[in-house]
Amino acid sequence: TDYRHNTTKAQEQVPQSRVIMESFQVPIQEVHFKPG
């Protein structure tokens, strides 16, 4: 990998963040339509 010399630097640059991904269903009556 071209990244082997930059691993530490890359890790240091990663912000302290996390991504939460979920899937679910919502009844149509609880979804509200707005312009667009």
PDB file of all heavy atoms in Angstrom:
ATOM      1  N   THR A   1       0.836  -1.203   0.000  1.00  0.00           N
ATOM      2  CA  THR A   1       0.000   0.000   0.000  1.00  0.00           C
ATOM      3  C   THR A   1       0.869   1.250   0.000  1.00  0.00           C
ATOM      4  O   THR A   1       1.915   1.292   0.635  1.00  0.00           O
ATOM      5  CB  THR A   1      -0.932   0.038   1.226  1.00  0.00           C
ATOM      6  OG1 THR A   1      -1.544   1.316   1.307  1.00  0.00           O
ATOM      7  CG2 THR A   1      -0.181  -0.215   2.523  1.00  0.00           C
ATOM      8  N   ASP A   2       0.402   2.241  -0.698  1.00  0.00           N
ATOM      9  CA  ASP A   2       1.092   3.527  -0.713  1.00  0.00           C
ATOM     10  C   ASP A   2       0.909   4.285   0.587  1.00  0.00           C
ATOM     11  O   ASP A   2       1.515   5.328   0.801  1.00  0.00           O
ATOM     12  CB  ASP A   2       0.573   4.378  -1.872  1.00  0.00           C
ATOM     13  CG  ASP A   2       0.898   3.748  -3.210  1.00  0.00           C
ATOM     14  OD1 ASP A   2       1.860   2.947  -3.277  1.00  0.00           O
ATOM     15  OD2 ASP A   2       0.178   4.056  -4.173  1.00  0.00           O
ATOM     16  N   TYR A   3       0.050   3.776   1.477  1.00  0.00           N
ATOM     17  CA  TYR A   3      -0.260   4.482   2.705  1.00  0.00           C
ATOM     18  C   TYR A   3       0.601   4.040   3.885  1.00  0.00           C
ATOM     19  O   TYR A   3       0.493   4.581   4.966  1.00  0.00           O
ATOM     20  CB  TYR A   3      -1.730   4.231   3.093  1.00  0.00           C
ATOM     21  CG  TYR A   3      -2.725   4.893   2.174  1.00  0.00           C
ATOM     22  CD1 TYR A   3      -3.242   4.216   1.077  1.00  0.00           C
ATOM     23  CD2 TYR A   3      -3.153   6.199   2.408  1.00  0.00           C
ATOM     24  CE1 TYR A   3      -4.152   4.818   0.236  1.00  0.00           C
ATOM     25  CE2 TYR A   3      -4.074   6.803   1.577  1.00  0.00           C
ATOM     26  CZ  TYR A   3      -4.571   6.117   0.483  1.00  0.00           C
ATOM     27  OH  TYR A   3      -5.480   6.708  -0.338  1.00  0.00           O
ATOM     28  N   ARG A   4       1.481   3.019   3.663  1.00  0.00           N
ATOM     29  CA  ARG A   4       2.134   2.408   4.817  1.00  0.00           C
ATOM     30  C   ARG A   4       2.988   3.397   5.610  1.00  0.00           C
ATOM     31  O   ARG A   4       3.185   3.224   6.812  1.00  0.00           O
ATOM     32  CB  ARG A   4       2.985   1.218   4.376  1.00  0.00           C
ATOM     33  CG  ARG A   4       4.096   1.542   3.402  1.00  0.00           C
ATOM     34  CD  ARG A   4       4.791   0.262   2.949  1.00  0.00           C
ATOM     35  NE  ARG A   4       5.895   0.522   2.045  1.00  0.00           N
ATOM     36  CZ  ARG A   4       5.764   0.670   0.733  1.00  0.00           C
ATOM     37  NH1 ARG A   4       4.558   0.600   0.200  1.00  0.00           N
ATOM     38  NH2 ARG A   4       6.807   0.902  -0.026  1.00  0.00           N
ATOM     39  N   HIS A   5       3.538   4.441   4.930  1.00  0.00           N
ATOM     40  CA  HIS A   5       4.357   5.423   5.654  1.00  0.00           C
ATOM     41  C   HIS A   5       3.518   6.545   6.245  1.00  0.00           C
ATOM     42  O   HIS A   5       4.035   7.380   6.956  1.00  0.00           O
ATOM     43  CB  HIS A   5       5.413   6.023   4.713  1.00  0.00           C
ATOM     44  CG  HIS A   5       6.335   4.986   4.139  1.00  0.00           C
ATOM     45  ND1 HIS A   5       7.124   4.172   4.920  1.00  0.00           N
ATOM     46  CD2 HIS A   5       6.574   4.627   2.841  1.00  0.00           C
ATOM     47  CE1 HIS A   5       7.837   3.350   4.144  1.00  0.00           C
ATOM     48  NE2 HIS A   5       7.519   3.605   2.878  1.00  0.00           N
ATOM     49  N   ASN A   6       2.215   6.576   5.899  1.00  0.00           N
ATOM     50  CA  ASN A   6       1.373   7.685   6.342  1.00  0.00           C
ATOM     51  C   ASN A   6       0.282   7.234   7.300  1.00  0.00           C
ATOM     52  O   ASN A   6      -0.626   7.989   7.615  1.00  0.00           O
ATOM     53  CB  ASN A   6       0.689   8.352   5.128  1.00  0.00           C
ATOM     54  CG  ASN A   6       1.709   8.920   4.153  1.00  0.00           C
ATOM     55  OD1 ASN A   6       2.704   9.497   4.565  1.00  0.00           O
ATOM     56  ND2 ASN A   6       1.449   8.724   2.863  1.00  0.00           N
ATOM     57  N   THR A   7       0.374   5.968   7.759  1.00  0.00           N
ATOM     58  CA  THR A   7      -0.705   5.444   8.580  1.00  0.00           C
ATOM     59  C   THR A   7      -0.924   6.290   9.824  1.00  0.00           C
ATOM     60  O   THR A   7      -2.043   6.682  10.139  1.00  0.00           O
ATOM     61  CB  THR A   7      -0.408   3.992   8.999  1.00  0.00           C
ATOM     62  OG1 THR A   7      -0.271   3.210   7.815  1.00  0.00           O
ATOM     63  CG2 THR A   7      -1.529   3.433   9.861  1.00  0.00           C
ATOM     64  N   THR A   8       0.143   6.585  10.533  1.00  0.00           N
ATOM     65  CA  THR A   8       0.001   7.337  11.776  1.00  0.00           C
ATOM     66  C   THR A   8      -0.578   8.716  11.511  1.00  0.00           C
ATOM     67  O   THR A   8      -1.481   9.183  12.199  1.00  0.00           O
ATOM     68  CB  THR A   8       1.356   7.472  12.483  1.00  0.00           C
ATOM     69  OG1 THR A   8       1.864   6.164  12.731  1.00  0.00           O
ATOM     70  CG2 THR A   8       1.206   8.225  13.796  1.00  0.00           C
ATOM     71  N   LYS A   9      -0.054   9.334  10.470  1.00  0.00           N
ATOM     72  CA  LYS A   9      -0.536  10.666  10.131  1.00  0.00           C
ATOM     73  C   LYS A   9      -2.013  10.630   9.756  1.00  0.00           C
ATOM     74  O   LYS A   9      -2.795  11.485  10.162  1.00  0.00           O
ATOM     75  CB  LYS A   9       0.284  11.238   8.988  1.00  0.00           C
ATOM     76  CG  LYS A   9      -0.126  12.647   8.585  1.00  0.00           C
ATOM     77  CD  LYS A   9       0.766  13.153   7.459  1.00  0.00           C
ATOM     78  CE  LYS A   9       0.342  14.561   7.048  1.00  0.00           C
ATOM     79  NZ  LYS A   9       1.180  15.065   5.935  1.00  0.00           N
ATOM     80  N   ALA A  10      -2.389   9.609   8.954  1.00  0.00           N
ATOM     81  CA  ALA A  10      -3.795   9.505   8.539  1.00  0.00           C
ATOM     82  C   ALA A  10      -4.695   9.318   9.737  1.00  0.00           C
ATOM     83  O   ALA A  10      -5.757   9.925   9.839  1.00  0.00           O
ATOM     84  CB  ALA A  10      -3.970   8.339   7.555  1.00  0.00           C
ATOM     85  N   GLN A  11      -4.226   8.435  10.683  1.00  0.00           N
ATOM     86  CA  GLN A  11      -5.048   8.199  11.858  1.00  0.00           C
ATOM     87  C   GLN A  11      -5.196   9.463  12.692  1.00  0.00           C
ATOM     88  O   GLN A  11      -6.259   9.730  13.246  1.00  0.00           O
ATOM     89  CB  GLN A  11      -4.431   7.087  12.690  1.00  0.00           C
ATOM     90  CG  GLN A  11      -4.611   5.694  12.076  1.00  0.00           C
ATOM     91  CD  GLN A  11      -3.941   4.652  12.912  1.00  0.00           C
ATOM     92  OE1 GLN A  11      -2.715   4.604  12.974  1.00  0.00           O
ATOM     93  NE2 GLN A  11      -4.727   3.828  13.568  1.00  0.00           N
ATOM     94  N   GLU A  12      -4.112  10.226  12.797  1.00  0.00           N
ATOM     95  CA  GLU A  12      -4.177  11.448  13.585  1.00  0.00           C
ATOM     96  C   GLU A  12      -5.144  12.450  12.980  1.00  0.00           C
ATOM     97  O   GLU A  12      -5.727  13.267  13.680  1.00  0.00           O
ATOM     98  CB  GLU A  12      -2.780  12.065  13.681  1.00  0.00           C
ATOM     99  CG  GLU A  12      -1.821  11.228  14.541  1.00  0.00           C
ATOM    100  CD  GLU A  12      -0.422  11.785  14.517  1.00  0.00           C
ATOM    101  OE1 GLU A  12      -0.187  12.719  13.702  1.00  0.00           O
ATOM    102  OE2 GLU A  12       0.425  11.310  15.277  1.00  0.00           O
ATOM    103  N   GLN A  13      -5.289  12.380  11.635  1.00  0.00           N
ATOM    104  CA  GLN A  13      -6.148  13.358  10.982  1.00  0.00           C
ATOM    105  C   GLN A  13      -7.629  12.980  11.054  1.00  0.00           C
ATOM    106  O   GLN A  13      -8.492  13.788  10.774  1.00  0.00           O
ATOM    107  CB  GLN A  13      -5.738  13.504   9.520  1.00  0.00           C
ATOM    108  CG  GLN A  13      -4.387  14.161   9.340  1.00  0.00           C
ATOM    109  CD  GLN A  13      -3.974  14.188   7.881  1.00  0.00           C
ATOM    110  OE1 GLN A  13      -4.553  13.506   7.053  1.00  0.00           O
ATOM    111  NE2 GLN A  13      -2.955  14.982   7.580  1.00  0.00           N
ATOM    112  N   VAL A  14      -7.912  11.714  11.393  1.00  0.00           N
ATOM    113  CA  VAL A  14      -9.305  11.290  11.466  1.00  0.00           C
ATOM    114  C   VAL A  14      -9.982  11.978  12.642  1.00  0.00           C
ATOM    115  O   VAL A  14      -9.508  11.865  13.778  1.00  0.00           O
ATOM    116  CB  VAL A  14      -9.418   9.767  11.627  1.00  0.00           C
ATOM    117  CG1 VAL A  14     -10.875   9.348  11.821  1.00  0.00           C
ATOM    118  CG2 VAL A  14      -8.837   9.074  10.408  1.00  0.00           C
ATOM    119  N   PRO A  15     -11.053  12.737  12.425  1.00  0.00           N
ATOM    120  CA  PRO A  15     -11.732  13.410  13.533  1.00  0.00           C
ATOM    121  C   PRO A  15     -12.381  12.385  14.449  1.00  0.00           C
ATOM    122  O   PRO A  15     -12.687  11.273  14.045  1.00  0.00           O
ATOM    123  CB  PRO A  15     -12.792  14.266  12.820  1.00  0.00           C
ATOM    124  CG  PRO A  15     -13.037  13.566  11.524  1.00  0.00           C
ATOM    125  CD  PRO A  15     -11.716  12.965  11.146  1.00  0.00           C
ATOM    126  N   GLN A  16     -12.548  12.733  15.716  1.00  0.00           N
ATOM    127  CA  GLN A  16     -13.226  11.871  16.662  1.00  0.00           C
ATOM    128  C   GLN A  16     -14.715  11.876  16.326  1.00  0.00           C
ATOM    129  O   GLN A  16     -15.483  12.684  16.835  1.00  0.00           O
ATOM    130  CB  GLN A  16     -12.981  12.372  18.092  1.00  0.00           C
ATOM    131  CG  GLN A  16     -11.529  12.324  18.510  1.00  0.00           C
ATOM    132  CD  GLN A  16     -10.997  10.892  18.470  1.00  0.00           C
ATOM    133  OE1 GLN A  16     -11.619   9.983  19.000  1.00  0.00           O
ATOM    134  NE2 GLN A  16      -9.835  10.707  17.855  1.00  0.00           N
ATOM    135  N   SER A  17     -15.083  10.970  15.460  1.00  0.00           N
ATOM    136  CA  SER A  17     -16.474  10.945  15.000  1.00  0.00           C
ATOM    137  C   SER A  17     -16.935   9.514  14.826  1.00  0.00           C
ATOM    138  O   SER A  17     -16.134   8.576  14.791  1.00  0.00           O
ATOM    139  CB  SER A  17     -16.610  11.692  13.674  1.00  0.00           C
ATOM    140  OG  SER A  17     -15.916  11.009  12.646  1.00  0.00           O
ATOM    141  N   ARG A  18     -18.231   9.350  14.744  1.00  0.00           N
ATOM    142  CA  ARG A  18     -18.804   8.051  14.444  1.00  0.00           C
ATOM    143  C   ARG A  18     -20.036   8.260  13.582  1.00  0.00           C
ATOM    144  O   ARG A  18     -20.657   9.328  13.610  1.00  0.00           O
ATOM    145  CB  ARG A  18     -19.164   7.287  15.718  1.00  0.00           C
ATOM    146  CG  ARG A  18     -20.202   7.973  16.609  1.00  0.00           C
ATOM    147  CD  ARG A  18     -20.549   7.095  17.781  1.00  0.00           C
ATOM    148  NE  ARG A  18     -21.420   7.784  18.724  1.00  0.00           N
ATOM    149  CZ  ARG A  18     -22.432   7.200  19.362  1.00  0.00           C
ATOM    150  NH1 ARG A  18     -22.695   5.916  19.133  1.00  0.00           N
ATOM    151  NH2 ARG A  18     -23.157   7.874  20.228  1.00  0.00           N
ATOM    152  N   VAL A  19     -20.339   7.255  12.816  1.00  0.00           N
ATOM    153  CA  VAL A  19     -21.490   7.311  11.918  1.00  0.00           C
ATOM    154  C   VAL A  19     -22.482   6.226  12.341  1.00  0.00           C
ATOM    155  O   VAL A  19     -22.117   5.048  12.458  1.00  0.00           O
ATOM    156  CB  VAL A  19     -21.084   7.107  10.449  1.00  0.00           C
ATOM    157  CG1 VAL A  19     -22.306   7.108   9.540  1.00  0.00           C
ATOM    158  CG2 VAL A  19     -20.106   8.205  10.027  1.00  0.00           C
ATOM    159  N   ILE A  20     -23.715   6.633  12.579  1.00  0.00           N
ATOM    160  CA  ILE A  20     -24.782   5.707  12.959  1.00  0.00           C
ATOM    161  C   ILE A  20     -25.688   5.520  11.755  1.00  0.00           C
ATOM    162  O   ILE A  20     -26.179   6.498  11.181  1.00  0.00           O
ATOM    163  CB  ILE A  20     -25.596   6.252  14.149  1.00  0.00           C
ATOM    164  CG1 ILE A  20     -24.682   6.440  15.359  1.00  0.00           C
ATOM    165  CG2 ILE A  20     -26.773   5.334  14.472  1.00  0.00           C
ATOM    166  CD1 ILE A  20     -25.348   7.183  16.502  1.00  0.00           C
ATOM    167  N   MET A  21     -25.893   4.281  11.358  1.00  0.00           N
ATOM    168  CA  MET A  21     -26.761   3.979  10.226  1.00  0.00           C
ATOM    169  C   MET A  21     -27.862   3.032  10.671  1.00  0.00           C
ATOM    170  O   MET A  21     -27.570   1.986  11.279  1.00  0.00           O
ATOM    171  CB  MET A  21     -25.960   3.384   9.071  1.00  0.00           C
ATOM    172  CG  MET A  21     -25.028   4.398   8.410  1.00  0.00           C
ATOM    173  SD  MET A  21     -23.986   3.671   7.124  1.00  0.00           S
ATOM    174  CE  MET A  21     -22.769   2.834   8.132  1.00  0.00           C
ATOM    175  N   GLU A  22     -29.096   3.416  10.409  1.00  0.00           N
ATOM    176  CA  GLU A  22     -30.230   2.585  10.793  1.00  0.00           C
ATOM    177  C   GLU A  22     -31.248   2.545   9.656  1.00  0.00           C
ATOM    178  O   GLU A  22     -31.326   3.470   8.838  1.00  0.00           O
ATOM    179  CB  GLU A  22     -30.910   3.112  12.066  1.00  0.00           C
ATOM    180  CG  GLU A  22     -30.073   2.973  13.321  1.00  0.00           C
ATOM    181  CD  GLU A  22     -30.865   3.294  14.575  1.00  0.00           C
ATOM    182  OE1 GLU A  22     -32.108   3.440  14.488  1.00  0.00           O
ATOM    183  OE2 GLU A  22     -30.240   3.411  15.646  1.00  0.00           O
ATOM    184  N   SER A  23     -32.028   1.483   9.630  1.00  0.00           N
ATOM    185  CA  SER A  23     -33.140   1.344   8.686  1.00  0.00           C
ATOM    186  C   SER A  23     -34.389   0.996   9.475  1.00  0.00           C
ATOM    187  O   SER A  23     -34.334   0.208  10.424  1.00  0.00           O
ATOM    188  CB  SER A  23     -32.851   0.250   7.646  1.00  0.00           C
ATOM    189  OG  SER A  23     -31.731   0.589   6.858  1.00  0.00           O
ATOM    190  N   PHE A  24     -35.507   1.596   9.089  1.00  0.00           N
ATOM    191  CA  PHE A  24     -36.759   1.341   9.797  1.00  0.00           C
ATOM    192  C   PHE A  24     -37.924   1.778   8.916  1.00  0.00           C
ATOM    193  O   PHE A  24     -37.739   2.400   7.863  1.00  0.00           O
ATOM    194  CB  PHE A  24     -36.805   2.093  11.134  1.00  0.00           C
ATOM    195  CG  PHE A  24     -36.263   3.494  11.067  1.00  0.00           C
ATOM    196  CD1 PHE A  24     -36.995   4.525  10.495  1.00  0.00           C
ATOM    197  CD2 PHE A  24     -34.996   3.774  11.538  1.00  0.00           C
ATOM    198  CE1 PHE A  24     -36.492   5.801  10.424  1.00  0.00           C
ATOM    199  CE2 PHE A  24     -34.473   5.057  11.462  1.00  0.00           C
ATOM    200  CZ  PHE A  24     -35.227   6.070  10.910  1.00  0.00           C
ATOM    201  N   GLN A  25     -39.123   1.444   9.358  1.00  0.00           N
ATOM    202  CA  GLN A  25     -40.340   1.836   8.660  1.00  0.00           C
ATOM    203  C   GLN A  25     -41.117   2.827   9.516  1.00  0.00           C
ATOM    204  O   GLN A  25     -41.170   2.691  10.745  1.00  0.00           O
ATOM    205  CB  GLN A  25     -41.208   0.617   8.353  1.00  0.00           C
ATOM    206  CG  GLN A  25     -40.590  -0.321   7.320  1.00  0.00           C
ATOM    207  CD  GLN A  25     -41.513  -1.479   6.991  1.00  0.00           C
ATOM    208  OE1 GLN A  25     -42.203  -2.008   7.853  1.00  0.00           O
ATOM    209  NE2 GLN A  25     -41.531  -1.869   5.733  1.00  0.00           N
ATOM    210  N   VAL A  26     -41.727   3.801   8.853  1.00  0.00           N
ATOM    211  CA  VAL A  26     -42.514   4.828   9.544  1.00  0.00           C
ATOM    212  C   VAL A  26     -43.918   4.844   8.946  1.00  0.00           C
ATOM    213  O   VAL A  26     -44.056   4.920   7.716  1.00  0.00           O
ATOM    214  CB  VAL A  26     -41.863   6.225   9.402  1.00  0.00           C
ATOM    215  CG1 VAL A  26     -42.710   7.282  10.095  1.00  0.00           C
ATOM    216  CG2 VAL A  26     -40.448   6.212   9.970  1.00  0.00           C
ATOM    217  N   PRO A  27     -44.966   4.757   9.761  1.00  0.00           N
ATOM    218  CA  PRO A  27     -46.333   4.846   9.230  1.00  0.00           C
ATOM    219  C   PRO A  27     -46.531   6.126   8.425  1.00  0.00           C
ATOM    220  O   PRO A  27     -45.998   7.187   8.792  1.00  0.00           O
ATOM    221  CB  PRO A  27     -47.210   4.843  10.484  1.00  0.00           C
ATOM    222  CG  PRO A  27     -46.378   4.148  11.520  1.00  0.00           C
ATOM    223  CD  PRO A  27     -44.956   4.546  11.227  1.00  0.00           C
ATOM    224  N   ILE A  28     -47.268   6.028   7.343  1.00  0.00           N
ATOM    225  CA  ILE A  28     -47.447   7.182   6.455  1.00  0.00           C
ATOM    226  C   ILE A  28     -48.019   8.380   7.204  1.00  0.00           C
ATOM    227  O   ILE A  28     -47.645   9.527   6.933  1.00  0.00           O
ATOM    228  CB  ILE A  28     -48.346   6.787   5.263  1.00  0.00           C
ATOM    229  CG1 ILE A  28     -47.561   5.871   4.317  1.00  0.00           C
ATOM    230  CG2 ILE A  28     -48.844   8.020   4.502  1.00  0.00           C
ATOM    231  CD1 ILE A  28     -48.344   5.400   3.121  1.00  0.00           C
ATOM    232  N   GLN A  29     -48.913   8.134   8.155  1.00  0.00           N
ATOM    233  CA  GLN A  29     -49.516   9.251   8.884  1.00  0.00           C
ATOM    234  C   GLN A  29     -48.508  10.027   9.721  1.00  0.00           C
ATOM    235  O   GLN A  29     -48.769  11.165  10.116  1.00  0.00           O
ATOM    236  CB  GLN A  29     -50.653   8.731   9.780  1.00  0.00           C
ATOM    237  CG  GLN A  29     -51.861   8.223   9.011  1.00  0.00           C
ATOM    238  CD  GLN A  29     -52.413   9.268   8.045  1.00  0.00           C
ATOM    239  OE1 GLN A  29     -52.556  10.440   8.401  1.00  0.00           O
ATOM    240  NE2 GLN A  29     -52.698   8.858   6.821  1.00  0.00           N
ATOM    241  N   GLU A  30     -47.359   9.430  10.012  1.00  0.00           N
ATOM    242  CA  GLU A  30     -46.331  10.121  10.800  1.00  0.00           C
ATOM    243  C   GLU A  30     -45.288  10.809   9.930  1.00  0.00           C
ATOM    244  O   GLU A  30     -44.336  11.400  10.447  1.00  0.00           O
ATOM    245  CB  GLU A  30     -45.645   9.119  11.743  1.00  0.00           C
ATOM    246  CG  GLU A  30     -46.597   8.526  12.776  1.00  0.00           C
ATOM    247  CD  GLU A  30     -45.927   7.500  13.669  1.00  0.00           C
ATOM    248  OE1 GLU A  30     -44.670   7.462  13.688  1.00  0.00           O
ATOM    249  OE2 GLU A  30     -46.647   6.723  14.326  1.00  0.00           O
ATOM    250  N   VAL A  31     -45.463  10.720   8.623  1.00  0.00           N
ATOM    251  CA  VAL A  31     -44.589  11.426   7.680  1.00  0.00           C
ATOM    252  C   VAL A  31     -45.334  12.643   7.172  1.00  0.00           C
ATOM    253  O   VAL A  31     -46.490  12.537   6.750  1.00  0.00           O
ATOM    254  CB  VAL A  31     -44.189  10.515   6.502  1.00  0.00           C
ATOM    255  CG1 VAL A  31     -43.303  11.270   5.515  1.00  0.00           C
ATOM    256  CG2 VAL A  31     -43.480   9.268   7.009  1.00  0.00           C
ATOM    257  N   HIS A  32     -44.711  13.803   7.209  1.00  0.00           N
ATOM    258  CA  HIS A  32     -45.381  15.048   6.823  1.00  0.00           C
ATOM    259  C   HIS A  32     -44.761  15.601   5.547  1.00  0.00           C
ATOM    260  O   HIS A  32     -43.537  15.665   5.411  1.00  0.00           O
ATOM    261  CB  HIS A  32     -45.292  16.070   7.952  1.00  0.00           C
ATOM    262  CG  HIS A  32     -45.877  15.577   9.246  1.00  0.00           C
ATOM    263  ND1 HIS A  32     -47.235  15.446   9.449  1.00  0.00           N
ATOM    264  CD2 HIS A  32     -45.281  15.141  10.386  1.00  0.00           C
ATOM    265  CE1 HIS A  32     -47.460  14.968  10.658  1.00  0.00           C
ATOM    266  NE2 HIS A  32     -46.288  14.773  11.247  1.00  0.00           N
ATOM    267  N   PHE A  33     -45.640  15.983   4.638  1.00  0.00           N
ATOM    268  CA  PHE A  33     -45.184  16.542   3.373  1.00  0.00           C
ATOM    269  C   PHE A  33     -45.042  18.051   3.491  1.00  0.00           C
ATOM    270  O   PHE A  33     -45.958  18.756   3.924  1.00  0.00           O
ATOM    271  CB  PHE A  33     -46.163  16.196   2.249  1.00  0.00           C
ATOM    272  CG  PHE A  33     -46.138  14.738   1.868  1.00  0.00           C
ATOM    273  CD1 PHE A  33     -47.304  14.051   1.598  1.00  0.00           C
ATOM    274  CD2 PHE A  33     -44.946  14.045   1.775  1.00  0.00           C
ATOM    275  CE1 PHE A  33     -47.293  12.720   1.250  1.00  0.00           C
ATOM    276  CE2 PHE A  33     -44.901  12.714   1.431  1.00  0.00           C
ATOM    277  CZ  PHE A  33     -46.085  12.049   1.170  1.00  0.00           C
ATOM    278  N   LYS A  34     -43.891  18.527   3.085  1.00  0.00           N
ATOM    279  CA  LYS A  34     -43.583  19.953   3.027  1.00  0.00           C
ATOM    280  C   LYS A  34     -43.200  20.274   1.587  1.00  0.00           C
ATOM    281  O   LYS A  34     -43.008  19.369   0.771  1.00  0.00           O
ATOM    282  CB  LYS A  34     -42.424  20.299   3.983  1.00  0.00           C
ATOM    283  CG  LYS A  34     -42.670  19.894   5.436  1.00  0.00           C
ATOM    284  CD  LYS A  34     -43.763  20.713   6.084  1.00  0.00           C
ATOM    285  CE  LYS A  34     -43.927  20.342   7.553  1.00  0.00           C
ATOM    286  NZ  LYS A  34     -45.015  21.120   8.194  1.00  0.00           N
ATOM    287  N   PRO A  35     -43.082  21.568   1.234  1.00  0.00           N
ATOM    288  CA  PRO A  35     -42.698  21.896  -0.146  1.00  0.00           C
ATOM    289  C   PRO A  35     -41.361  21.253  -0.540  1.00  0.00           C
ATOM    290  O   PRO A  35     -40.314  21.566   0.037  1.00  0.00           O
ATOM    291  CB  PRO A  35     -42.598  23.429  -0.122  1.00  0.00           C
ATOM    292  CG  PRO A  35     -43.517  23.846   0.975  1.00  0.00           C
ATOM    293  CD  PRO A  35     -43.393  22.780   2.026  1.00  0.00           C
ATOM    294  N   GLY A  36     -41.404  20.301  -1.460  1.00  0.00           N
ATOM    295  CA  GLY A  36     -40.204  19.683  -1.982  1.00  0.00           C
ATOM    296  C   GLY A  36     -39.537  18.665  -1.083  1.00  0.00           C
ATOM    297  O   GLY A  36     -38.404  18.239  -1.367  1.00  0.00           O
TER     298      GLY A  36
END
